[in-house]
Structures are given as C-alpha cells and as structure tokens.
PDB file of N, CA and C in Angstrom:
ATOM      1  N   MET A   1      47.822  95.797 -32.634  1.00  0.00           N
ATOM      2  CA  MET A   1      47.862  96.468 -31.426  1.00  0.00           C
ATOM      3  C   MET A   1      46.973  96.002 -30.428  1.00  0.00           C
ATOM      4  N   LYS A   2      47.516  95.648 -29.106  1.00  0.00           N
ATOM      5  CA  LYS A   2      46.785  95.089 -28.019  1.00  0.00           C
ATOM      6  C   LYS A   2      46.039  96.241 -27.240  1.00  0.00           C
ATOM      7  N   ARG A   3      44.964  95.802 -27.018  1.00  0.00           N
ATOM      8  CA  ARG A   3      43.983  96.771 -26.032  1.00  0.00           C
ATOM      9  C   ARG A   3      43.671  96.013 -24.855  1.00  0.00           C
ATOM     10  N   ASN A   4      43.442  96.753 -23.786  1.00  0.00           N
ATOM     11  CA  ASN A   4      43.102  96.349 -22.423  1.00  0.00           C
ATOM     12  C   ASN A   4      41.641  96.060 -22.354  1.00  0.00           C
ATOM     13  N   LEU A   5      41.159  95.104 -21.692  1.00  0.00           N
ATOM     14  CA  LEU A   5      39.581  94.812 -21.505  1.00  0.00           C
ATOM     15  C   LEU A   5      39.345  94.521 -19.886  1.00  0.00           C
ATOM     16  N   THR A   6      38.330  95.224 -19.595  1.00  0.00           N
ATOM     17  CA  THR A   6      38.101  94.825 -18.007  1.00  0.00           C
ATOM     18  C   THR A   6      36.794  94.050 -17.994  1.00  0.00           C
ATOM     19  N   LEU A   7      36.946  93.126 -17.129  1.00  0.00           N
ATOM     20  CA  LEU A   7      35.777  92.073 -17.137  1.00  0.00           C
ATOM     21  C   LEU A   7      35.327  92.203 -15.634  1.00  0.00           C
ATOM     22  N   ALA A   8      33.977  92.024 -15.261  1.00  0.00           N
ATOM     23  CA  ALA A   8      33.516  91.832 -13.959  1.00  0.00           C
ATOM     24  C   ALA A   8      32.980  90.369 -13.979  1.00  0.00           C
ATOM     25  N   LEU A   9      33.622  89.644 -12.981  1.00  0.00           N
ATOM     26  CA  LEU A   9      33.365  88.238 -12.773  1.00  0.00           C
ATOM     27  C   LEU A   9      33.070  87.883 -11.292  1.00  0.00           C
ATOM     28  N   GLU A  10      32.226  86.931 -11.145  1.00  0.00           N
ATOM     29  CA  GLU A  10      32.219  86.534  -9.698  1.00  0.00           C
ATOM     30  C   GLU A  10      33.409  85.978  -9.230  1.00  0.00           C
ATOM     31  N   GLU A  11      33.677  85.995  -7.914  1.00  0.00           N
ATOM     32  CA  GLU A  11      34.965  85.779  -7.313  1.00  0.00           C
ATOM     33  C   GLU A  11      35.199  84.247  -7.552  1.00  0.00           C
ATOM     34  N   ASP A  12      34.272  83.305  -7.332  1.00  0.00           N
ATOM     35  CA  ASP A  12      34.524  81.961  -7.631  1.00  0.00           C
ATOM     36  C   ASP A  12      34.785  81.607  -9.023  1.00  0.00           C
ATOM     37  N   LEU A  13      34.106  82.195  -9.930  1.00  0.00           N
ATOM     38  CA  LEU A  13      34.436  81.977 -11.290  1.00  0.00           C
ATOM     39  C   LEU A  13      35.756  82.298 -11.823  1.00  0.00           C
ATOM     40  N   LEU A  14      36.322  83.609 -11.120  1.00  0.00           N
ATOM     41  CA  LEU A  14      37.710  84.065 -11.293  1.00  0.00           C
ATOM     42  C   LEU A  14      38.568  83.099 -10.719  1.00  0.00           C
ATOM     43  N   THR A  15      38.422  82.697  -9.530  1.00  0.00           N
ATOM     44  CA  THR A  15      39.322  81.716  -8.941  1.00  0.00           C
ATOM     45  C   THR A  15      39.403  80.446  -9.691  1.00  0.00           C
ATOM     46  N   ASN A  16      38.326  79.883 -10.080  1.00  0.00           N
ATOM     47  CA  ASN A  16      38.322  78.575 -10.962  1.00  0.00           C
ATOM     48  C   ASN A  16      38.958  78.753 -12.298  1.00  0.00           C
ATOM     49  N   ALA A  17      38.750  79.977 -12.844  1.00  0.00           N
ATOM     50  CA  ALA A  17      39.463  80.255 -14.268  1.00  0.00           C
ATOM     51  C   ALA A  17      40.980  80.265 -13.927  1.00  0.00           C
ATOM     52  N   ARG A  18      41.474  80.940 -12.835  1.00  0.00           N
ATOM     53  CA  ARG A  18      42.843  80.994 -12.576  1.00  0.00           C
ATOM     54  C   ARG A  18      43.462  79.673 -12.428  1.00  0.00           C
ATOM     55  N   VAL A  19      42.776  78.712 -11.608  1.00  0.00           N
ATOM     56  CA  VAL A  19      43.076  77.506 -11.465  1.00  0.00           C
ATOM     57  C   VAL A  19      43.277  76.728 -12.780  1.00  0.00           C
ATOM     58  N   ALA A  20      42.176  76.856 -13.575  1.00  0.00           N
ATOM     59  CA  ALA A  20      42.193  76.145 -14.994  1.00  0.00           C
ATOM     60  C   ALA A  20      43.403  76.560 -15.868  1.00  0.00           C
ATOM     61  N   ALA A  21      43.672  77.695 -15.762  1.00  0.00           N
ATOM     62  CA  ALA A  21      44.766  78.434 -16.501  1.00  0.00           C
ATOM     63  C   ALA A  21      46.131  77.846 -16.030  1.00  0.00           C
ATOM     64  N   ALA A  22      46.213  77.785 -14.605  1.00  0.00           N
ATOM     65  CA  ALA A  22      47.493  77.374 -14.158  1.00  0.00           C
ATOM     66  C   ALA A  22      47.734  75.861 -14.324  1.00  0.00           C
ATOM     67  N   ARG A  23      46.574  75.120 -14.443  1.00  0.00           N
ATOM     68  CA  ARG A  23      46.811  73.687 -14.769  1.00  0.00           C
ATOM     69  C   ARG A  23      47.312  73.448 -16.149  1.00  0.00           C
ATOM     70  N   ARG A  24      47.125  74.426 -17.081  1.00  0.00           N
ATOM     71  CA  ARG A  24      47.603  74.388 -18.412  1.00  0.00           C
ATOM     72  C   ARG A  24      48.751  75.184 -18.546  1.00  0.00           C
ATOM     73  N   ASN A  25      49.449  75.553 -17.427  1.00  0.00           N
ATOM     74  CA  ASN A  25      50.737  76.391 -17.528  1.00  0.00           C
ATOM     75  C   ASN A  25      50.475  77.557 -18.354  1.00  0.00           C
ATOM     76  N   LYS A  26      49.390  78.351 -18.080  1.00  0.00           N
ATOM     77  CA  LYS A  26      48.983  79.535 -18.897  1.00  0.00           C
ATOM     78  C   LYS A  26      48.524  80.644 -18.078  1.00  0.00           C
ATOM     79  N   THR A  27      48.659  81.826 -18.395  1.00  0.00           N
ATOM     80  CA  THR A  27      48.027  83.015 -17.730  1.00  0.00           C
ATOM     81  C   THR A  27      46.548  82.971 -18.033  1.00  0.00           C
ATOM     82  N   LEU A  28      45.882  83.651 -17.190  1.00  0.00           N
ATOM     83  CA  LEU A  28      44.341  83.764 -17.485  1.00  0.00           C
ATOM     84  C   LEU A  28      44.317  84.482 -18.778  1.00  0.00           C
ATOM     85  N   THR A  29      44.997  85.508 -18.988  1.00  0.00           N
ATOM     86  CA  THR A  29      44.944  86.358 -20.182  1.00  0.00           C
ATOM     87  C   THR A  29      45.163  85.444 -21.370  1.00  0.00           C
ATOM     88  N   GLU A  30      46.157  84.606 -21.352  1.00  0.00           N
ATOM     89  CA  GLU A  30      46.371  83.586 -22.453  1.00  0.00           C
ATOM     90  C   GLU A  30      45.281  82.697 -22.718  1.00  0.00           C
ATOM     91  N   LEU A  31      44.627  82.234 -21.701  1.00  0.00           N
ATOM     92  CA  LEU A  31      43.501  81.327 -21.672  1.00  0.00           C
ATOM     93  C   LEU A  31      42.416  82.023 -22.429  1.00  0.00           C
ATOM     94  N   ILE A  32      42.040  83.192 -22.025  1.00  0.00           N
ATOM     95  CA  ILE A  32      40.935  84.011 -22.528  1.00  0.00           C
ATOM     96  C   ILE A  32      41.244  84.384 -23.992  1.00  0.00           C
ATOM     97  N   ARG A  33      42.454  84.684 -24.273  1.00  0.00           N
ATOM     98  CA  ARG A  33      42.717  85.023 -25.665  1.00  0.00           C
ATOM     99  C   ARG A  33      42.577  83.876 -26.619  1.00  0.00           C
ATOM    100  N   GLU A  34      43.063  82.590 -26.259  1.00  0.00           N
ATOM    101  CA  GLU A  34      42.822  81.352 -26.901  1.00  0.00           C
ATOM    102  C   GLU A  34      41.479  81.153 -27.164  1.00  0.00           C
ATOM    103  N   PHE A  35      40.606  81.357 -26.175  1.00  0.00           N
ATOM    104  CA  PHE A  35      39.220  80.987 -26.161  1.00  0.00           C
ATOM    105  C   PHE A  35      38.497  82.075 -27.131  1.00  0.00           C
ATOM    106  N   LEU A  36      38.850  83.349 -27.274  1.00  0.00           N
ATOM    107  CA  LEU A  36      38.237  84.442 -28.140  1.00  0.00           C
ATOM    108  C   LEU A  36      38.972  83.973 -29.477  1.00  0.00           C
ATOM    109  N   ARG A  37      39.981  83.547 -29.760  1.00  0.00           N
ATOM    110  CA  ARG A  37      40.447  83.139 -31.067  1.00  0.00           C
ATOM    111  C   ARG A  37      39.703  82.042 -31.635  1.00  0.00           C
ATOM    112  N   SER A  38      39.492  81.017 -30.846  1.00  0.00           N
ATOM    113  CA  SER A  38      38.769  79.897 -31.340  1.00  0.00           C
ATOM    114  C   SER A  38      37.295  80.247 -31.450  1.00  0.00           C
ATOM    115  N   LEU A  39      36.620  81.100 -30.750  1.00  0.00           N
ATOM    116  CA  LEU A  39      35.380  81.521 -30.825  1.00  0.00           C
ATOM    117  C   LEU A  39      35.177  82.333 -32.206  1.00  0.00           C
ATOM    118  N   THR A  40      36.274  83.148 -32.586  1.00  0.00           N
ATOM    119  CA  THR A  40      36.043  83.997 -33.787  1.00  0.00           C
ATOM    120  C   THR A  40      36.713  83.333 -34.975  1.00  0.00           C
ATOM    121  N   GLY A  41      37.796  82.689 -34.926  1.00  0.00           N
ATOM    122  CA  GLY A  41      38.460  82.068 -35.971  1.00  0.00           C
ATOM    123  C   GLY A  41      38.188  80.587 -36.264  1.00  0.00           C
ATOM    124  N   GLY A  42      37.889  79.788 -35.260  1.00  0.00           N
ATOM    125  CA  GLY A  42      37.629  78.476 -35.259  1.00  0.00           C
ATOM    126  C   GLY A  42      36.521  78.019 -36.309  1.00  0.00           C
ATOM    127  N   ASP A  43      35.473  78.754 -36.360  1.00  0.00           N
ATOM    128  CA  ASP A  43      34.385  78.345 -37.251  1.00  0.00           C
ATOM    129  C   ASP A  43      34.760  78.668 -38.550  1.00  0.00           C
ATOM    130  N   ARG A  44      35.589  79.592 -38.992  1.00  0.00           N
ATOM    131  CA  ARG A  44      36.023  79.846 -40.293  1.00  0.00           C
ATOM    132  C   ARG A  44      36.872  78.615 -40.760  1.00  0.00           C
ATOM    133  N   GLU A  45      37.806  78.284 -39.843  1.00  0.00           N
ATOM    134  CA  GLU A  45      38.530  77.083 -40.151  1.00  0.00           C
ATOM    135  C   GLU A  45      37.882  75.814 -40.451  1.00  0.00           C
ATOM    136  N   ARG A  46      37.061  75.628 -39.387  1.00  0.00           N
ATOM    137  CA  ARG A  46      36.022  74.421 -39.470  1.00  0.00           C
ATOM    138  C   ARG A  46      35.296  74.367 -40.720  1.00  0.00           C
ATOM    139  N   ARG A  47      34.663  75.373 -41.153  1.00  0.00           N
ATOM    140  CA  ARG A  47      34.060  75.416 -42.450  1.00  0.00           C
ATOM    141  C   ARG A  47      34.866  75.232 -43.635  1.00  0.00           C
ATOM    142  N   ALA A  48      36.144  75.712 -43.582  1.00  0.00           N
ATOM    143  CA  ALA A  48      37.005  75.464 -44.652  1.00  0.00           C
ATOM    144  C   ALA A  48      37.450  73.896 -44.792  1.00  0.00           C
ATOM    145  N   SER A  49      37.570  73.347 -43.518  1.00  0.00           N
ATOM    146  CA  SER A  49      37.837  72.022 -43.618  1.00  0.00           C
ATOM    147  C   SER A  49      36.810  71.121 -44.004  1.00  0.00           C
ATOM    148  N   LEU A  50      35.707  71.444 -43.615  1.00  0.00           N
ATOM    149  CA  LEU A  50      34.559  70.632 -44.140  1.00  0.00           C
ATOM    150  C   LEU A  50      34.252  70.690 -45.566  1.00  0.00           C
ATOM    151  N   LYS A  51      34.598  71.898 -46.097  1.00  0.00           N
ATOM    152  CA  LYS A  51      34.444  72.320 -47.634  1.00  0.00           C
ATOM    153  C   LYS A  51      35.454  71.282 -48.410  1.00  0.00           C
ATOM    154  N   ARG A  52      36.813  71.195 -47.877  1.00  0.00           N
ATOM    155  CA  ARG A  52      37.807  70.430 -48.375  1.00  0.00           C
ATOM    156  C   ARG A  52      37.364  69.066 -48.360  1.00  0.00           C
ATOM    157  N   LEU A  53      36.770  68.632 -47.281  1.00  0.00           N
ATOM    158  CA  LEU A  53      36.437  67.162 -47.046  1.00  0.00           C
ATOM    159  C   LEU A  53      35.212  66.837 -48.103  1.00  0.00           C
ATOM    160  N   ARG A  54      34.326  67.598 -48.078  1.00  0.00           N
ATOM    161  CA  ARG A  54      33.339  67.348 -49.040  1.00  0.00           C
ATOM    162  C   ARG A  54      33.850  67.281 -50.582  1.00  0.00           C
ATOM    163  N   THR A  55      34.599  68.271 -50.823  1.00  0.00           N
ATOM    164  CA  THR A  55      35.255  68.087 -52.239  1.00  0.00           C
ATOM    165  C   THR A  55      35.885  66.822 -52.415  1.00  0.00           C
ATOM    166  N   LEU A  56      36.732  66.300 -51.492  1.00  0.00           N
ATOM    167  CA  LEU A  56      37.392  65.011 -51.763  1.00  0.00           C
ATOM    168  C   LEU A  56      36.480  63.944 -51.628  1.00  0.00           C
ATOM    169  N   MET A  57      35.355  63.879 -50.963  1.00  0.00           N
ATOM    170  CA  MET A  57      34.309  62.820 -51.022  1.00  0.00           C
ATOM    171  C   MET A  57      33.599  62.838 -52.353  1.00  0.00           C
ATOM    172  N   ASP A  58      33.377  64.066 -52.972  1.00  0.00           N
ATOM    173  CA  ASP A  58      32.803  64.159 -54.219  1.00  0.00           C
ATOM    174  C   ASP A  58      33.817  63.623 -55.462  1.00  0.00           C
ATOM    175  N   GLU A  59      35.030  63.790 -55.201  1.00  0.00           N
ATOM    176  CA  GLU A  59      35.913  63.423 -56.263  1.00  0.00           C
ATOM    177  C   GLU A  59      36.262  61.913 -56.128  1.00  0.00           C
ATOM    178  N   LYS A  60      36.257  61.387 -54.962  1.00  0.00           N
ATOM    179  CA  LYS A  60      36.610  60.009 -54.920  1.00  0.00           C
ATOM    180  C   LYS A  60      35.677  59.331 -53.708  1.00  0.00           C
ATOM    181  N   PRO A  61      34.492  58.916 -54.130  1.00  0.00           N
ATOM    182  CA  PRO A  61      33.540  58.286 -53.251  1.00  0.00           C
ATOM    183  C   PRO A  61      34.152  57.015 -52.665  1.00  0.00           C
ATOM    184  N   LEU A  62      33.746  56.826 -51.453  1.00  0.00           N
ATOM    185  CA  LEU A  62      34.284  55.739 -50.676  1.00  0.00           C
ATOM    186  C   LEU A  62      33.335  54.481 -50.890  1.00  0.00           C
ATOM    187  N   GLY A  63      33.780  53.275 -50.947  1.00  0.00           N
ATOM    188  CA  GLY A  63      32.904  52.200 -50.988  1.00  0.00           C
ATOM    189  C   GLY A  63      33.796  50.942 -50.445  1.00  0.00           C
ATOM    190  N   VAL A  64      32.909  49.907 -50.095  1.00  0.00           N
ATOM    191  CA  VAL A  64      33.501  48.784 -49.524  1.00  0.00           C
ATOM    192  C   VAL A  64      33.729  47.684 -50.502  1.00  0.00           C
ATOM    193  N   GLY A  65      33.209  47.987 -51.692  1.00  0.00           N
ATOM    194  CA  GLY A  65      33.225  46.898 -52.767  1.00  0.00           C
ATOM    195  C   GLY A  65      32.226  45.824 -52.644  1.00  0.00           C
ATOM    196  N   ARG A  66      32.440  44.910 -53.255  1.00  0.00           N
ATOM    197  CA  ARG A  66      31.251  43.807 -53.265  1.00  0.00           C
ATOM    198  C   ARG A  66      31.540  42.965 -52.051  1.00  0.00           C
ATOM    199  N   ALA A  67      30.430  42.553 -51.496  1.00  0.00           N
ATOM    200  CA  ALA A  67      30.683  41.779 -50.226  1.00  0.00           C
ATOM    201  C   ALA A  67      30.907  40.204 -50.751  1.00  0.00           C
ATOM    202  N   LYS A  68      31.905  39.677 -49.982  1.00  0.00           N
ATOM    203  CA  LYS A  68      32.353  38.291 -50.341  1.00  0.00           C
ATOM    204  C   LYS A  68      31.896  37.154 -49.225  1.00  0.00           C
ATOM    205  N   TRP A  69      30.793  37.784 -48.516  1.00  0.00           N
ATOM    206  CA  TRP A  69      30.267  36.747 -47.491  1.00  0.00           C
ATOM    207  C   TRP A  69      28.841  36.755 -47.487  1.00  0.00           C
ATOM    208  N   THR A  70      28.284  35.790 -46.969  1.00  0.00           N
ATOM    209  CA  THR A  70      26.734  35.785 -46.782  1.00  0.00           C
ATOM    210  C   THR A  70      26.379  36.353 -45.492  1.00  0.00           C
ATOM    211  N   ARG A  71      25.079  36.659 -45.507  1.00  0.00           N
ATOM    212  CA  ARG A  71      24.398  37.296 -44.320  1.00  0.00           C
ATOM    213  C   ARG A  71      24.745  36.474 -43.100  1.00  0.00           C
ATOM    214  N   GLU A  72      24.452  35.141 -43.206  1.00  0.00           N
ATOM    215  CA  GLU A  72      24.699  34.152 -42.265  1.00  0.00           C
ATOM    216  C   GLU A  72      26.162  34.203 -41.679  1.00  0.00           C
ATOM    217  N   GLU A  73      27.034  34.271 -42.578  1.00  0.00           N
ATOM    218  CA  GLU A  73      28.494  34.394 -42.141  1.00  0.00           C
ATOM    219  C   GLU A  73      28.791  35.554 -41.583  1.00  0.00           C
ATOM    220  N   ALA A  74      28.125  36.670 -41.879  1.00  0.00           N
ATOM    221  CA  ALA A  74      28.515  37.952 -41.306  1.00  0.00           C
ATOM    222  C   ALA A  74      28.087  37.990 -39.761  1.00  0.00           C
ATOM    223  N   HIS A  75      26.969  37.199 -39.576  1.00  0.00           N
ATOM    224  CA  HIS A  75      26.447  37.335 -38.184  1.00  0.00           C
ATOM    225  C   HIS A  75      26.685  36.053 -37.357  1.00  0.00           C
ATOM    226  N   GLU A  76      27.704  35.275 -37.987  1.00  0.00           N
ATOM    227  CA  GLU A  76      27.981  34.149 -37.263  1.00  0.00           C
ATOM    228  C   GLU A  76      28.913  34.453 -36.037  1.00  0.00           C
ATOM    229  N   ARG A  77      28.660  33.654 -34.861  1.00  0.00           N
ATOM    230  CA  ARG A  77      29.292  33.992 -33.665  1.00  0.00           C
ATOM    231  C   ARG A  77      30.374  32.962 -33.412  1.00  0.00           C
TER     232      ARG A  77
END
C-alpha cells in the first residue's frame, strides 16, 4: 500500500531536485522513491555481495605465481 508524504523544502532545493529528476526522465516522486530504496535496501545488498566475495576469496585465493623476471627487468625503462 502506498502512502503520501509531505515534505517542507527550500524553494531552490525543490527546483534543483525537479531539474535533476527531469534530466533523468523521472518524476520527483520516482527519484525520491529510488533514493529511499537505495538508502534502506542498498546496504543489505552490499553486505550480501561482500559476504559472497569473501567466501569466494577464501575458497580460491588469488596469486600471481612465481615471478619470472628480476627486479632490474621489472624496473627497466
């Protein structure tokens, strides 16, 4: 169920927000809704992604193998 929300904003902030929404071909309501979704759900998704990444890194550690060049070769110009 959707509910209405009343905000009190400075006129210049409201104008700039409407312009930002128009540049994205969105309404101000859509822009605010996306922001609130990212604010409340984005952290959860980010934490889940980091957890998956850590699991993968633990399962298959990354390495470059044994170096096949000397220090001088690596810094050669």
